[in-house]
Protein backbone atom coordinates (compact mmCIF):
# COMPACT_ATOMS: atom_id res chain seq x y z
CA MET A 1 -96.15 -119.95 -30.64
CA LYS A 2 -96.50 -116.71 -28.24
CA LYS A 3 -98.94 -114.01 -28.91
CA LYS A 4 -97.26 -110.80 -29.59
CA ILE A 5 -98.61 -107.47 -28.05
CA LEU A 6 -97.58 -104.14 -28.73
CA ILE A 7 -98.30 -101.66 -25.57
CA VAL A 8 -98.29 -98.05 -26.62
CA ASP A 9 -98.67 -95.41 -23.89
CA ASP A 10 -96.73 -92.33 -22.69
CA GLU A 11 -97.14 -92.93 -18.97
CA PRO A 12 -94.22 -95.23 -17.57
CA ASN A 13 -96.29 -96.85 -14.83
CA ILE A 14 -98.97 -98.01 -16.98
CA VAL A 15 -96.47 -99.35 -19.42
CA MET A 16 -94.68 -101.32 -16.84
CA THR A 17 -97.84 -103.08 -15.24
CA LEU A 18 -99.06 -103.89 -18.45
CA GLU A 19 -95.77 -105.40 -19.80
CA TYR A 20 -95.41 -107.37 -16.47
CA THR A 21 -98.87 -108.69 -16.53
CA PHE A 22 -98.52 -109.48 -20.39
CA LYS A 23 -95.44 -111.33 -19.95
CA LYS A 24 -96.93 -113.16 -16.98
CA GLN A 25 -99.72 -114.81 -19.37
CA ASP A 26 -96.80 -115.42 -21.85
CA PHE A 27 -97.22 -112.99 -24.54
CA GLU A 28 -94.06 -111.71 -26.19
CA VAL A 29 -94.24 -107.85 -25.30
CA TYR A 30 -93.03 -104.81 -27.33
CA ILE A 31 -93.27 -101.28 -25.68
CA ALA A 32 -93.50 -97.97 -27.49
CA ARG A 33 -93.86 -94.83 -25.54
CA ASP A 34 -95.66 -92.52 -28.38
CA GLY A 35 -97.41 -93.30 -31.70
CA LYS A 36 -93.85 -92.31 -33.71
CA GLU A 37 -92.04 -94.98 -31.57
CA ALA A 38 -94.93 -97.48 -32.61
CA LEU A 39 -95.18 -96.74 -36.35
CA HIS A 40 -91.14 -97.88 -36.08
CA ILE A 41 -91.98 -101.20 -34.39
CA LEU A 42 -94.79 -101.68 -36.62
CA GLU A 43 -92.53 -101.38 -39.88
CA ASN A 44 -90.41 -104.60 -38.70
CA ASN A 45 -92.92 -106.59 -36.63
CA SER A 46 -96.70 -107.94 -36.79
CA PRO A 47 -98.16 -108.03 -33.35
CA ASP A 48 -101.35 -110.09 -32.79
CA VAL A 49 -102.80 -107.14 -30.69
CA VAL A 50 -101.83 -103.41 -30.31
CA LEU A 51 -102.89 -101.63 -26.97
CA LEU A 52 -103.08 -98.13 -27.61
CA ASP A 53 -103.29 -95.07 -25.84
CA ILE A 54 -104.91 -91.68 -27.84
CA MET A 55 -103.39 -88.71 -26.33
CA MET A 56 -99.86 -89.00 -26.99
CA PRO A 57 -97.05 -86.79 -28.25
CA ASN A 58 -95.57 -86.98 -31.80
CA VAL A 59 -98.37 -89.29 -33.38
CA ASP A 60 -101.61 -89.83 -31.41
CA GLY A 61 -103.50 -93.21 -31.11
CA TYR A 62 -105.94 -92.26 -34.11
CA GLN A 63 -103.06 -91.70 -36.57
CA THR A 64 -101.10 -94.81 -35.30
CA LEU A 65 -104.63 -96.80 -35.90
CA GLN A 66 -105.03 -95.20 -39.00
CA TYR A 67 -101.62 -96.53 -40.27
CA ILE A 68 -101.91 -99.91 -39.06
CA LYS A 69 -105.60 -100.32 -40.85
CA ASN A 70 -103.63 -99.01 -44.24
CA GLN A 71 -101.21 -101.68 -44.14
CA ASP A 72 -101.90 -105.04 -45.81
CA ARG A 73 -99.56 -107.34 -43.74
CA LEU A 74 -101.34 -105.85 -40.41
CA LYS A 75 -104.96 -106.77 -41.40
CA GLN A 76 -104.92 -109.47 -38.92
CA THR A 77 -104.00 -107.25 -35.78
CA LYS A 78 -106.04 -106.07 -33.58
CA VAL A 79 -106.60 -102.90 -31.93
CA VAL A 80 -107.62 -102.10 -28.69
CA PHE A 81 -108.03 -98.48 -27.61
CA LEU A 82 -106.79 -97.65 -23.68
CA THR A 83 -107.31 -94.05 -22.93
CA ALA A 84 -108.47 -91.47 -20.52
CA LYS A 85 -110.96 -90.26 -23.23
CA ASN A 86 -114.19 -91.79 -22.14
CA LYS A 87 -116.86 -89.47 -23.55
CA ALA A 88 -119.40 -91.54 -25.95
CA SER A 89 -118.08 -89.36 -28.87
CA ASP A 90 -114.62 -90.39 -28.30
CA ILE A 91 -115.32 -93.97 -27.95
CA GLU A 92 -117.64 -93.94 -31.17
CA LYS A 93 -114.77 -92.31 -33.00
CA GLY A 94 -112.45 -94.70 -31.81
CA LEU A 95 -114.65 -97.71 -33.02
CA LYS A 96 -115.51 -95.95 -36.40
CA LEU A 97 -112.01 -95.64 -36.99
CA GLY A 98 -111.71 -99.15 -36.67
CA ALA A 99 -110.48 -100.04 -33.28
CA ASP A 100 -111.81 -103.65 -32.12
CA LYS A 101 -112.24 -102.33 -28.52
CA TYR A 102 -112.15 -99.40 -26.75
CA LEU A 103 -111.59 -99.70 -22.95
CA THR A 104 -111.17 -96.51 -20.68
CA LYS A 105 -108.59 -95.34 -17.60
CA PRO A 106 -108.56 -96.10 -14.87
CA PHE A 107 -108.58 -99.64 -15.58
CA SER A 108 -108.92 -103.29 -14.28
CA LEU A 109 -105.95 -105.39 -15.33
CA LYS A 110 -108.23 -108.41 -14.95
CA LYS A 111 -110.66 -106.92 -17.35
CA ILE A 112 -107.80 -105.91 -20.02
CA VAL A 113 -106.43 -109.31 -20.09
CA SER A 114 -109.81 -111.14 -20.17
CA GLU A 115 -110.97 -108.90 -23.05
CA ILE A 116 -107.68 -109.11 -25.01
CA LEU A 117 -107.79 -113.08 -24.62
CA GLU A 118 -110.90 -112.83 -25.63
CA LEU A 119 -110.36 -110.84 -28.65
CA LEU A 120 -107.72 -113.43 -29.76
CA ASN A 121 -109.62 -116.41 -29.54
């Protein structure tokens, strides 16, 4: 069965690159351009992993993570922050809120893929 990933980011170039990369890895890919769209997708889907930006319009990454953590049916969903917020305090906050990994931009696609595959195995 295909692994499912939800990519949440408001930068179209990042979304396109990640979508292409994960489809090549045989993932089923869902796309949301902000947290609000992500919550809408999560109402009807349970992805294996959510790749989540923090700074987004409407609903930010922290709020999206809290929603995921509060849903029983999403308990198994892994959450990986992918963000430009790279201060130690930001990273600490993200992990304290329950993110499984915290990756910073700019990023290496190879590293993201290997981190996510490792998380799912």
